[in-house]
Amino acid sequence: MQRLQGVRKAVLAGLVAIGLTSAAFAQTATPASGLGQSWPNAADLSANPNWHVYVFVLNGIEYVQINDLNGTVHAAVATAGGTTIVLPVGVDSQNVQTTAASASSTAQTIYSDATTTVTATPQSNGTTTFNAVSADCNTYNCGGGRGS
């Protein structure tokens, strides 16, 4: 009888562990929605009133999308672990830099968190150059800035 109760407890503990693990995976595997859209269902986190900046986090990767005030998608980058890549999204995706550029007097910070800073620099031909720079990565600040 005691052996049967021990088996029941073990099975119950296993089911509880599976249930908790499933809930944790469901929270981290939820797909980000709205990336690439004019008006995504996300908070505007822009540090500049001339731009809309939307941030999506999926599986520890932070996606930052830049839109103008009319909703036109200009650019998007992805950052994780101190690395930043340009996404092929937006009318200015070819004008995105991911390295530290020399500071320009016309550069405007449009987004900044613990791991990423994005600036916009208007060009004489009417386009905008965006610069996305990752902060130095250490154990504390490489979690994507918004949690994972």
Protein backbone atom coordinates (compact mmCIF):
# COMPACT_ATOMS: atom_id res chain seq x y z
CA MET A 1 0.00 0.00 0.00
CA GLN A 2 2.80 2.42 0.88
CA ARG A 3 4.51 1.60 -2.41
CA LEU A 4 1.32 2.48 -4.31
CA GLN A 5 1.09 5.83 -2.48
CA GLY A 6 4.76 6.50 -3.34
CA VAL A 7 4.05 5.80 -7.02
CA ARG A 8 1.02 8.10 -6.93
CA LYS A 9 3.08 10.91 -5.39
CA ALA A 10 5.81 10.46 -8.00
CA VAL A 11 3.30 10.51 -10.86
CA LEU A 12 1.57 13.56 -9.40
CA ALA A 13 4.88 15.37 -8.96
CA GLY A 14 5.80 14.52 -12.56
CA LEU A 15 2.49 15.88 -13.86
CA VAL A 16 2.90 19.09 -11.88
CA ALA A 17 6.44 19.52 -13.25
CA ILE A 18 5.24 18.95 -16.82
CA GLY A 19 2.40 21.43 -16.33
CA LEU A 20 4.72 24.14 -14.98
CA THR A 21 7.26 23.53 -17.75
CA SER A 22 4.56 23.77 -20.41
CA ALA A 23 3.38 27.08 -19.00
CA ALA A 24 6.92 28.47 -19.03
CA PHE A 25 7.49 27.39 -22.64
CA ALA A 26 4.15 28.85 -23.70
CA GLN A 27 5.16 32.25 -22.31
CA THR A 28 8.51 32.37 -24.14
CA ALA A 29 7.28 30.86 -27.40
CA THR A 30 4.47 33.32 -28.00
CA PRO A 31 5.12 34.87 -31.41
CA ALA A 32 5.59 38.62 -31.65
CA SER A 33 2.86 40.19 -33.72
CA GLY A 34 2.86 43.31 -35.82
CA LEU A 35 6.52 43.49 -36.81
CA GLY A 36 6.69 45.19 -40.22
CA GLN A 37 3.20 46.68 -39.94
CA SER A 38 2.38 50.39 -40.12
CA TRP A 39 0.49 50.39 -36.84
CA PRO A 40 1.52 47.29 -34.85
CA ASN A 41 -0.28 46.33 -31.69
CA ALA A 42 2.61 47.46 -29.48
CA ALA A 43 3.45 50.45 -27.31
CA ASP A 44 5.25 53.37 -28.94
CA LEU A 45 8.56 53.61 -27.07
CA SER A 46 10.08 56.42 -29.12
CA ALA A 47 12.34 58.89 -27.36
CA ASN A 48 11.63 61.42 -30.12
CA PRO A 49 8.25 62.93 -31.06
CA ASN A 50 9.06 62.71 -34.79
CA TRP A 51 9.18 58.91 -34.84
CA HIS A 52 7.29 55.85 -33.63
CA VAL A 53 9.46 53.03 -32.25
CA TYR A 54 7.98 49.62 -31.49
CA VAL A 55 9.82 46.85 -29.65
CA PHE A 56 9.03 43.15 -29.83
CA VAL A 57 10.82 40.47 -27.80
CA LEU A 58 10.76 36.83 -28.83
CA ASN A 59 12.99 34.07 -27.41
CA GLY A 60 15.48 36.59 -26.02
CA ILE A 61 15.81 38.55 -29.27
CA GLU A 62 14.72 42.18 -29.22
CA TYR A 63 13.27 43.55 -32.48
CA VAL A 64 13.15 47.34 -32.81
CA GLN A 65 10.99 48.83 -35.60
CA ILE A 66 11.08 52.51 -36.63
CA ASN A 67 8.05 54.16 -38.26
CA ASP A 68 7.44 57.77 -39.23
CA LEU A 69 4.44 59.73 -38.01
CA ASN A 70 2.37 58.54 -41.00
CA GLY A 71 2.98 54.88 -40.17
CA THR A 72 5.52 54.23 -42.92
CA VAL A 73 7.96 51.56 -41.78
CA HIS A 74 11.49 52.91 -42.23
CA ALA A 75 13.71 50.27 -40.66
CA ALA A 76 14.00 47.43 -38.16
CA VAL A 77 16.87 45.78 -36.32
CA ALA A 78 17.24 42.72 -34.13
CA THR A 79 19.55 42.59 -31.13
CA ALA A 80 20.68 39.76 -28.89
CA GLY A 81 23.77 39.12 -26.82
CA GLY A 82 25.50 42.33 -27.90
CA THR A 83 24.97 41.67 -31.62
CA THR A 84 22.76 43.82 -33.85
CA ILE A 85 21.55 42.90 -37.33
CA VAL A 86 19.51 44.87 -39.85
CA LEU A 87 16.21 43.34 -40.91
CA PRO A 88 15.09 43.68 -44.54
CA VAL A 89 12.07 45.75 -43.51
CA GLY A 90 11.24 49.34 -44.34
CA VAL A 91 11.91 51.98 -46.93
CA ASP A 92 15.27 52.91 -45.37
CA SER A 93 16.53 49.41 -44.52
CA GLN A 94 19.51 49.99 -46.82
CA ASN A 95 20.39 53.10 -44.78
CA VAL A 96 20.86 51.33 -41.44
CA GLN A 97 24.27 51.08 -39.83
CA THR A 98 25.04 48.76 -36.94
CA THR A 99 28.44 50.08 -35.93
CA ALA A 100 29.38 53.05 -33.83
CA ALA A 101 29.51 55.96 -36.26
CA SER A 102 31.04 59.33 -35.62
CA ALA A 103 28.62 61.56 -33.78
CA SER A 104 26.67 63.87 -36.04
CA SER A 105 25.21 67.15 -34.84
CA THR A 106 21.98 66.29 -36.69
CA ALA A 107 21.62 62.79 -35.22
CA GLN A 108 18.55 62.38 -33.03
CA THR A 109 18.23 59.59 -30.49
CA ILE A 110 14.94 57.89 -31.23
CA TYR A 111 15.26 54.82 -29.00
CA SER A 112 17.50 53.75 -26.15
CA ASP A 113 17.40 50.97 -23.57
CA ALA A 114 19.97 49.03 -21.54
CA THR A 115 21.30 47.18 -24.60
CA THR A 116 20.51 49.23 -27.73
CA THR A 117 20.57 52.84 -28.90
CA VAL A 118 19.08 53.91 -32.24
CA THR A 119 19.68 57.33 -33.80
CA ALA A 120 18.24 58.94 -36.93
CA THR A 121 20.17 61.35 -39.13
CA PRO A 122 18.35 63.20 -41.93
CA GLN A 123 20.28 63.21 -45.23
CA SER A 124 20.41 65.99 -47.84
CA ASN A 125 18.67 63.71 -50.39
CA GLY A 126 15.57 63.37 -48.18
CA THR A 127 16.33 59.92 -46.79
CA THR A 128 17.21 59.13 -43.21
CA THR A 129 20.19 57.14 -42.01
CA PHE A 130 19.59 55.06 -38.90
CA ASN A 131 22.39 53.88 -36.61
CA ALA A 132 21.76 51.02 -34.18
CA VAL A 133 24.49 50.39 -31.63
CA SER A 134 24.56 47.63 -29.02
CA ALA A 135 25.89 48.45 -25.59
CA ASP A 136 28.85 46.55 -24.24
CA CYS A 137 27.47 43.14 -23.39
CA ASN A 138 27.90 41.64 -19.96
CA THR A 139 25.88 39.21 -17.92
CA TYR A 140 23.67 41.96 -16.50
CA ASN A 141 22.66 43.94 -19.59
CA CYS A 142 22.48 41.36 -22.38
CA GLY A 143 18.97 40.17 -21.61
CA GLY A 144 17.29 42.19 -24.35
CA GLY A 145 16.51 45.30 -22.32
CA ARG A 146 12.83 44.38 -21.88
CA GLY A 147 13.28 40.94 -20.36
CA SER A 148 12.86 37.70 -22.22
